[in-house]
Amino acid sequence: MINDELIQEIGEASLPEAIRIVSGLFPDSTVFSSSLGQEDQVLTDVIFRNDMPVRVFTLDTGRLFGEAYELYDRIVARYKKPVQVFFPDAADVEQFVTEKGMNSFYESVENRKGCCYIRKVKPLNRALEGAKVWITGLRADQSANRENMPLIEWSEEKQLYKFNPLINWSLDDVLDYLKEFNVPYNPLHDKGFISIGCAPCTRAIEPGEDARAGRWWWESSQKECGLHSSVVKVAS
């Protein structure tokens, strides 16, 4: 249903209109996954202020910063609309922690990815059940892994379209939007936390560091948790 001509039209549209076009194609099966980061706050504001037919959800890993939970409450209070929360399976977490340890993700990339799989990937898969379009807040300049991501992709694995409406936005574009519309955001962003994940796995970055340098800083991996690493192809 989404072809190259439509992708070009979506790419030339304003952000609200682009989301309106895509969600209009799949009004009952378009979802947006928010990590409660700055980019996602932009999209939450666009979706909620314009009453778009998009289901908004977030993942609570159980290891988030307190500021993230406070922001969640501010979002619900501001927009008076639900943000669905998905949690990891308790039995999975219990088994992993019992066998590996509470903070075993510091010990190896394998352990860290195992923790991410239980706390993020599996809940995401549940959240995406029945969806035809998955909207994300990814930007190309966030990391080398994302710089070649297209506006719209088809995921063979998940059998849905993945729509990245901010893929060509800069961080300044995001900050300008938040300021213009007085959008609530996590105060940790003002303290050098550009990319915010679980509290044990996130630190503030130093001047000149990559935006995702504060994520899993003890690793030399590609700094991804598995949510956006699936092989996809450009929709056609």
Foldseek 3Di string as FASTA:
>chain_A
DDDPVNLVVLLPDDLLVSLQVVCVVVLQFAEEEDQQALLSLLVLCSCLVVVGSYAAEYFDLVQFDPLSVVLQVVSCVVRVDDHHYFFFDPVLVVVLCVVQNDPNVLVDVVSLLSSLCRRPVVRVLVVNVRHAEYEYSDALQQAVVRVPDDQWWAFPVSRHIYGHSCHHPDVVNSVVSCVVVVGDGRCVVVVQQNDGDGPVQADHDDPPDRNLCRGNVSDPDRRDNPPPPGDIGHHD
